[in-house]
Amino acid sequence: MMNNDDAAKQAVLLGVGLDNTDGHKRITRGDNFYLAGGSEETHERMTETVIKFNEKLARRGKHLQELSREEFRDMMREAEGK
């Protein structure tokens, strides 16, 4: 059962692509993320990154809202391949 503190600690990754020139509206939702906009290439890259991020999160057995800033930053860099 969730209490009020748990509900207040939910988190989501938000990706916004601003390089769309073809007029397509791209929106992708998933566990822990919402992606909007971007060119086909940018949107695909954002999608791949959040999927890799979620896989890393699952392997650690954590929820997004449980990560420290440092853990989040490290995991996102790994997911981006940097």
N, C-alpha and C. Protein backbone atom coordinates (compact mmCIF):
# COMPACT_ATOMS: atom_id res chain seq x y z
N MET A 1 0.84 -1.19 0.00
CA MET A 1 0.00 0.00 0.00
C MET A 1 0.88 1.25 0.00
N MET A 2 0.53 2.22 -0.80
CA MET A 2 1.29 3.45 -0.90
C MET A 2 0.77 4.49 0.08
N ASN A 3 1.67 5.14 0.78
CA ASN A 3 1.23 6.24 1.62
C ASN A 3 1.49 7.55 0.87
N ASN A 4 1.14 8.66 1.45
CA ASN A 4 1.28 9.96 0.78
C ASN A 4 2.72 10.29 0.45
N ASP A 5 3.66 9.87 1.31
CA ASP A 5 5.08 10.14 1.05
C ASP A 5 5.55 9.39 -0.19
N ASP A 6 5.11 8.12 -0.36
CA ASP A 6 5.49 7.34 -1.53
C ASP A 6 4.95 7.97 -2.81
N ALA A 7 3.72 8.43 -2.78
CA ALA A 7 3.10 9.03 -3.95
C ALA A 7 3.83 10.31 -4.35
N ALA A 8 4.31 11.05 -3.39
CA ALA A 8 5.00 12.31 -3.67
C ALA A 8 6.39 12.08 -4.25
N LYS A 9 6.94 10.88 -4.12
CA LYS A 9 8.30 10.60 -4.55
C LYS A 9 8.37 9.89 -5.90
N GLN A 10 7.33 9.96 -6.71
CA GLN A 10 7.37 9.35 -8.03
C GLN A 10 8.20 10.22 -8.95
N ALA A 11 8.83 9.57 -9.95
CA ALA A 11 9.70 10.29 -10.87
C ALA A 11 9.50 9.76 -12.28
N VAL A 12 9.82 10.60 -13.26
CA VAL A 12 9.72 10.22 -14.66
C VAL A 12 10.83 10.92 -15.43
N LEU A 13 11.37 10.23 -16.43
CA LEU A 13 12.33 10.85 -17.34
C LEU A 13 11.54 11.53 -18.46
N LEU A 14 11.87 12.76 -18.77
CA LEU A 14 11.19 13.50 -19.83
C LEU A 14 12.22 13.87 -20.88
N GLY A 15 11.98 13.42 -22.11
CA GLY A 15 12.87 13.75 -23.22
C GLY A 15 12.12 14.58 -24.23
N VAL A 16 12.72 15.70 -24.65
CA VAL A 16 12.09 16.58 -25.64
C VAL A 16 13.10 16.83 -26.75
N GLY A 17 12.73 16.42 -27.96
CA GLY A 17 13.57 16.66 -29.12
C GLY A 17 13.10 17.92 -29.84
N LEU A 18 14.02 18.79 -30.18
CA LEU A 18 13.65 20.07 -30.79
C LEU A 18 14.11 20.21 -32.24
N ASP A 19 14.60 19.14 -32.84
CA ASP A 19 15.17 19.24 -34.19
C ASP A 19 14.26 18.68 -35.28
N ASN A 20 12.97 18.61 -35.03
CA ASN A 20 12.03 18.06 -36.00
C ASN A 20 11.76 19.06 -37.12
N THR A 21 11.97 18.63 -38.36
CA THR A 21 11.67 19.49 -39.51
C THR A 21 10.71 18.81 -40.48
N ASP A 22 10.30 17.56 -40.21
CA ASP A 22 9.46 16.83 -41.16
C ASP A 22 7.97 16.87 -40.83
N GLY A 23 7.58 17.54 -39.75
CA GLY A 23 6.17 17.68 -39.40
C GLY A 23 5.55 16.51 -38.66
N HIS A 24 6.28 15.41 -38.49
CA HIS A 24 5.74 14.27 -37.74
C HIS A 24 5.72 14.57 -36.25
N LYS A 25 4.69 14.11 -35.58
CA LYS A 25 4.60 14.25 -34.13
C LYS A 25 4.97 12.91 -33.53
N ARG A 26 6.09 12.86 -32.85
CA ARG A 26 6.59 11.62 -32.27
C ARG A 26 6.43 11.66 -30.75
N ILE A 27 5.73 10.67 -30.22
CA ILE A 27 5.52 10.56 -28.78
C ILE A 27 5.72 9.10 -28.41
N THR A 28 6.54 8.85 -27.40
CA THR A 28 6.77 7.50 -26.91
C THR A 28 6.70 7.53 -25.40
N ARG A 29 5.91 6.60 -24.84
CA ARG A 29 5.79 6.48 -23.38
C ARG A 29 6.22 5.08 -22.98
N GLY A 30 6.73 4.99 -21.77
CA GLY A 30 7.12 3.70 -21.22
C GLY A 30 7.28 3.80 -19.74
N ASP A 31 7.77 2.71 -19.14
CA ASP A 31 8.03 2.73 -17.70
C ASP A 31 9.05 3.80 -17.40
N ASN A 32 8.69 4.73 -16.58
CA ASN A 32 9.58 5.80 -16.11
C ASN A 32 9.90 6.87 -17.14
N PHE A 33 9.30 6.85 -18.33
CA PHE A 33 9.68 7.89 -19.30
C PHE A 33 8.55 8.33 -20.21
N TYR A 34 8.73 9.55 -20.73
CA TYR A 34 7.84 10.15 -21.71
C TYR A 34 8.74 10.94 -22.66
N LEU A 35 8.68 10.61 -23.95
CA LEU A 35 9.50 11.28 -24.95
C LEU A 35 8.60 11.97 -25.97
N ALA A 36 8.98 13.17 -26.37
CA ALA A 36 8.18 13.92 -27.34
C ALA A 36 9.09 14.66 -28.30
N GLY A 37 8.68 14.65 -29.57
CA GLY A 37 9.35 15.45 -30.58
C GLY A 37 10.64 14.87 -31.09
N GLY A 38 11.33 15.71 -31.81
CA GLY A 38 12.61 15.33 -32.38
C GLY A 38 12.48 14.75 -33.77
N SER A 39 13.59 14.76 -34.48
CA SER A 39 13.64 14.10 -35.78
C SER A 39 13.53 12.60 -35.54
N GLU A 40 13.37 11.84 -36.62
CA GLU A 40 13.30 10.38 -36.47
C GLU A 40 14.56 9.86 -35.78
N GLU A 41 15.72 10.36 -36.18
CA GLU A 41 17.00 9.93 -35.60
C GLU A 41 17.09 10.30 -34.12
N THR A 42 16.73 11.52 -33.78
CA THR A 42 16.81 11.98 -32.39
C THR A 42 15.85 11.20 -31.51
N HIS A 43 14.63 11.01 -31.98
CA HIS A 43 13.63 10.29 -31.19
C HIS A 43 14.07 8.84 -30.97
N GLU A 44 14.62 8.23 -31.99
CA GLU A 44 15.12 6.85 -31.87
C GLU A 44 16.24 6.78 -30.85
N ARG A 45 17.14 7.75 -30.88
CA ARG A 45 18.27 7.77 -29.93
C ARG A 45 17.77 7.96 -28.49
N MET A 46 16.80 8.87 -28.31
CA MET A 46 16.24 9.07 -26.97
C MET A 46 15.59 7.77 -26.48
N THR A 47 14.86 7.10 -27.36
CA THR A 47 14.18 5.86 -26.99
C THR A 47 15.18 4.79 -26.59
N GLU A 48 16.21 4.62 -27.38
CA GLU A 48 17.24 3.62 -27.06
C GLU A 48 17.90 3.93 -25.72
N THR A 49 18.15 5.21 -25.47
CA THR A 49 18.81 5.61 -24.23
C THR A 49 17.94 5.29 -23.01
N VAL A 50 16.66 5.64 -23.06
CA VAL A 50 15.81 5.38 -21.88
C VAL A 50 15.56 3.89 -21.68
N ILE A 51 15.54 3.11 -22.76
CA ILE A 51 15.39 1.66 -22.61
C ILE A 51 16.62 1.08 -21.93
N LYS A 52 17.81 1.50 -22.36
CA LYS A 52 19.05 1.04 -21.71
C LYS A 52 19.08 1.48 -20.26
N PHE A 53 18.66 2.72 -20.01
CA PHE A 53 18.63 3.25 -18.65
C PHE A 53 17.72 2.39 -17.77
N ASN A 54 16.52 2.08 -18.27
CA ASN A 54 15.58 1.26 -17.50
C ASN A 54 16.12 -0.14 -17.25
N GLU A 55 16.84 -0.69 -18.21
CA GLU A 55 17.46 -2.01 -18.01
C GLU A 55 18.48 -1.95 -16.88
N LYS A 56 19.29 -0.91 -16.86
CA LYS A 56 20.29 -0.73 -15.80
C LYS A 56 19.59 -0.55 -14.44
N LEU A 57 18.52 0.20 -14.44
CA LEU A 57 17.76 0.43 -13.22
C LEU A 57 17.19 -0.89 -12.69
N ALA A 58 16.65 -1.70 -13.57
CA ALA A 58 16.08 -3.00 -13.17
C ALA A 58 17.16 -3.92 -12.62
N ARG A 59 18.34 -3.92 -13.25
CA ARG A 59 19.44 -4.77 -12.76
C ARG A 59 19.87 -4.37 -11.36
N ARG A 60 19.75 -3.09 -11.05
CA ARG A 60 20.10 -2.62 -9.70
C ARG A 60 18.97 -2.84 -8.71
N GLY A 61 17.80 -3.20 -9.21
CA GLY A 61 16.65 -3.43 -8.34
C GLY A 61 16.14 -2.16 -7.68
N LYS A 62 16.24 -1.05 -8.39
CA LYS A 62 15.83 0.24 -7.83
C LYS A 62 14.73 0.86 -8.67
N HIS A 63 14.08 1.87 -8.07
CA HIS A 63 13.12 2.70 -8.77
C HIS A 63 13.80 4.03 -9.06
N LEU A 64 13.35 4.70 -10.11
CA LEU A 64 13.96 5.97 -10.51
C LEU A 64 14.07 6.96 -9.36
N GLN A 65 13.01 7.08 -8.57
CA GLN A 65 13.01 8.05 -7.48
C GLN A 65 13.96 7.71 -6.34
N GLU A 66 14.51 6.50 -6.34
CA GLU A 66 15.45 6.09 -5.29
C GLU A 66 16.89 6.46 -5.61
N LEU A 67 17.17 6.89 -6.83
CA LEU A 67 18.55 7.17 -7.23
C LEU A 67 19.04 8.50 -6.68
N SER A 68 20.29 8.52 -6.29
CA SER A 68 20.92 9.79 -5.94
C SER A 68 21.25 10.50 -7.25
N ARG A 69 21.57 11.76 -7.18
CA ARG A 69 21.96 12.50 -8.39
C ARG A 69 23.16 11.87 -9.06
N GLU A 70 24.11 11.44 -8.26
CA GLU A 70 25.32 10.83 -8.80
C GLU A 70 25.01 9.51 -9.51
N GLU A 71 24.17 8.68 -8.88
CA GLU A 71 23.78 7.40 -9.51
C GLU A 71 23.05 7.67 -10.83
N PHE A 72 22.13 8.63 -10.80
CA PHE A 72 21.38 8.96 -12.01
C PHE A 72 22.34 9.41 -13.12
N ARG A 73 23.22 10.32 -12.80
CA ARG A 73 24.16 10.85 -13.79
C ARG A 73 25.03 9.74 -14.36
N ASP A 74 25.57 8.89 -13.50
CA ASP A 74 26.43 7.79 -13.96
C ASP A 74 25.66 6.81 -14.86
N MET A 75 24.45 6.46 -14.43
CA MET A 75 23.67 5.51 -15.21
C MET A 75 23.25 6.10 -16.56
N MET A 76 22.93 7.39 -16.59
CA MET A 76 22.53 8.03 -17.85
C MET A 76 23.73 8.11 -18.80
N ARG A 77 24.89 8.42 -18.28
CA ARG A 77 26.10 8.45 -19.13
C ARG A 77 26.36 7.08 -19.72
N GLU A 78 26.22 6.04 -18.92
CA GLU A 78 26.42 4.67 -19.41
C GLU A 78 25.38 4.34 -20.48
N ALA A 79 24.13 4.71 -20.25
CA ALA A 79 23.06 4.43 -21.21
C ALA A 79 23.27 5.17 -22.52
N GLU A 80 23.86 6.36 -22.44
CA GLU A 80 24.13 7.16 -23.64
C GLU A 80 25.38 6.65 -24.37
N GLY A 81 26.14 5.80 -23.70
CA GLY A 81 27.37 5.29 -24.31
C GLY A 81 28.53 6.25 -24.21
N LYS A 82 28.50 7.12 -23.19
CA LYS A 82 29.58 8.10 -23.01
C LYS A 82 30.55 7.64 -21.96
